[in-house]
Protein backbone atom coordinates (compact mmCIF):
# COMPACT_ATOMS: atom_id res chain seq x y z
CA MET A 1 14.73 -10.71 10.47
CA LYS A 2 12.56 -8.55 8.25
CA LEU A 3 9.20 -6.84 9.07
CA ILE A 4 6.78 -7.26 6.07
CA PRO A 5 3.55 -5.30 6.19
CA TYR A 6 0.47 -7.63 5.32
CA LEU A 7 -2.39 -5.38 3.83
CA ASN A 8 -6.05 -6.82 3.89
CA PHE A 9 -8.95 -5.35 1.96
CA GLU A 10 -12.73 -6.25 1.42
CA GLY A 11 -12.63 -7.31 -2.20
CA ASN A 12 -10.56 -4.66 -3.80
CA THR A 13 -7.09 -5.97 -3.18
CA GLU A 14 -6.33 -6.60 -7.12
CA GLU A 15 -7.02 -2.81 -7.84
CA VAL A 16 -4.82 -1.77 -4.65
CA MET A 17 -1.90 -4.04 -5.39
CA ASN A 18 -1.90 -3.00 -9.24
CA THR A 19 -1.86 0.77 -8.06
CA TYR A 20 0.95 0.25 -5.54
CA ALA A 21 3.02 -1.73 -8.24
CA LYS A 22 2.51 1.32 -10.54
CA ILE A 23 3.46 3.94 -7.86
CA PHE A 24 6.37 2.01 -6.55
CA ASN A 25 7.30 0.55 -10.11
CA GLY A 26 7.30 -2.86 -8.30
CA GLN A 27 6.70 -6.56 -9.29
CA LEU A 28 3.79 -8.74 -8.27
CA HIS A 29 4.43 -12.34 -7.34
CA ASP A 30 2.71 -15.44 -6.00
CA ILE A 31 -0.94 -14.29 -6.72
CA SER A 32 -3.31 -16.90 -5.43
CA ARG A 33 -7.02 -16.62 -5.27
CA PHE A 34 -9.58 -18.27 -3.05
CA GLY A 35 -11.01 -20.25 -5.97
CA ASP A 36 -7.51 -21.88 -6.68
CA THR A 37 -7.76 -23.93 -3.46
CA ASN A 38 -11.54 -24.37 -3.19
CA PRO A 39 -13.27 -24.48 -6.61
CA ASN A 40 -16.68 -25.28 -4.73
CA MET A 41 -16.74 -21.87 -2.93
CA PRO A 42 -19.37 -19.26 -4.01
CA GLU A 43 -18.70 -17.63 -7.55
CA GLU A 44 -18.33 -14.23 -5.91
CA GLU A 45 -15.46 -15.28 -3.59
CA LYS A 46 -13.45 -17.42 -6.12
CA ASN A 47 -11.62 -14.43 -7.70
CA ARG A 48 -10.81 -12.65 -4.51
CA ILE A 49 -7.04 -12.42 -3.72
CA MET A 50 -5.98 -15.03 -1.17
CA HIS A 51 -2.34 -14.05 -1.17
CA ALA A 52 -0.07 -11.92 -3.31
CA ARG A 53 3.20 -10.09 -2.84
CA LEU A 54 4.64 -6.83 -4.06
CA THR A 55 8.42 -6.20 -4.16
CA PHE A 56 10.18 -2.98 -4.95
CA GLY A 57 13.79 -2.15 -4.26
CA ASP A 58 14.48 -4.01 -0.89
CA ASN A 59 10.80 -3.88 0.19
CA MET A 60 7.83 -5.97 0.24
CA LEU A 61 4.08 -5.80 0.76
CA MET A 62 1.80 -8.69 1.08
CA PHE A 63 -2.04 -8.52 0.30
CA SER A 64 -5.17 -10.32 0.85
CA ASP A 65 -8.83 -9.87 0.43
CA SER A 66 -11.00 -10.82 3.48
CA MET A 67 -13.42 -13.50 3.19
CA HIS A 68 -16.88 -12.46 1.98
CA GLY A 69 -18.85 -10.99 4.94
CA HIS A 70 -15.69 -10.27 7.32
CA VAL A 71 -15.13 -6.47 7.92
CA VAL A 72 -11.71 -5.11 7.52
CA ASN A 73 -11.17 -2.39 10.16
CA PHE A 74 -9.04 0.55 9.34
CA GLY A 75 -7.62 2.66 12.00
CA ASN A 76 -5.02 5.26 12.48
CA SER A 77 -2.67 3.31 14.75
CA ILE A 78 -0.47 2.29 12.01
CA SER A 79 1.28 4.26 9.13
CA LEU A 80 3.50 2.91 6.35
CA SER A 81 6.62 5.06 6.28
CA LEU A 82 8.79 5.58 3.19
CA GLY A 83 12.28 6.66 3.65
CA MET A 84 13.44 8.30 0.34
CA THR A 85 16.63 10.20 -0.81
CA ASP A 86 15.32 11.60 -4.25
CA GLU A 87 13.05 14.71 -3.81
CA ALA A 88 11.48 14.31 -7.09
CA GLU A 89 10.60 10.88 -6.51
CA SER A 90 9.28 11.44 -3.07
CA HIS A 91 6.93 14.18 -4.37
CA SER A 92 5.70 12.06 -7.23
CA VAL A 93 5.07 9.10 -4.83
CA PHE A 94 3.38 11.36 -2.41
CA ASN A 95 0.99 12.84 -5.11
CA GLN A 96 0.21 9.43 -6.55
CA LEU A 97 -0.90 8.18 -2.95
CA ALA A 98 -2.81 11.50 -2.49
CA ASP A 99 -4.80 10.96 -5.67
CA GLY A 100 -8.37 10.29 -4.43
CA GLY A 101 -7.07 10.22 -0.80
CA GLN A 102 -6.74 12.91 1.91
CA ILE A 103 -3.44 14.82 2.65
CA THR A 104 -3.06 15.16 6.21
CA VAL A 105 0.39 16.90 6.37
CA PRO A 106 1.60 18.54 3.08
CA MET A 107 5.13 17.74 1.60
CA ALA A 108 7.32 20.38 2.99
CA LYS A 109 10.82 20.91 4.55
CA GLN A 110 10.70 20.21 8.17
CA PHE A 111 12.70 21.37 11.20
CA TRP A 112 14.64 18.07 11.11
CA GLY A 113 15.86 18.95 7.58
CA ALA A 114 14.03 16.43 5.82
CA ILE A 115 11.07 16.98 3.26
CA PHE A 116 8.14 15.35 4.83
CA GLY A 117 4.44 14.61 4.24
CA MET A 118 1.67 12.28 5.42
CA VAL A 119 -1.45 11.13 3.37
CA ILE A 120 -4.36 8.49 3.67
CA ASP A 121 -4.58 7.09 0.22
CA LYS A 122 -7.90 6.28 -1.29
CA TYR A 123 -7.93 2.76 0.16
CA GLY A 124 -7.69 4.03 3.79
CA ILE A 125 -3.85 3.26 4.19
CA GLN A 126 -1.73 5.94 6.05
CA TRP A 127 1.54 6.77 4.52
CA MET A 128 4.39 9.05 5.83
CA ILE A 129 7.01 10.18 3.11
CA ASN A 130 10.42 11.33 4.51
CA CYS A 131 12.87 12.54 2.01
CA GLU A 132 16.53 13.27 3.31
CA ALA A 133 17.57 14.80 -0.21
CA GLY A 134 16.87 18.28 1.03
CA SER A 135 18.85 17.96 4.25
């Protein structure tokens, strides 16, 4: 069994998944658009992402745009947490996720020995970066 986060956005999924692919040096797969299955839908919806996968290392994120008119609600009940072992890479990922977003906990050595930080990226996704390299 493996838990795979599935992220939904309101029409900017293509930008989000390409940004994350760059940050995590990942590969995008299985990109399908709403117009692929229904050519009769309104033009403004045809190019929206119906489903896509991003793989990086042993990880996977899945993505979709909401249907036009459906609101995506972002909250603070879920964070995506990255466990890392390379300090330089953890700072790089953190800084890229923070670009245009909001740092809620700056990257710093913590009482448990790891380097840790929290950020809400420019897409509204909360991230926690924990790097054991400094332990």
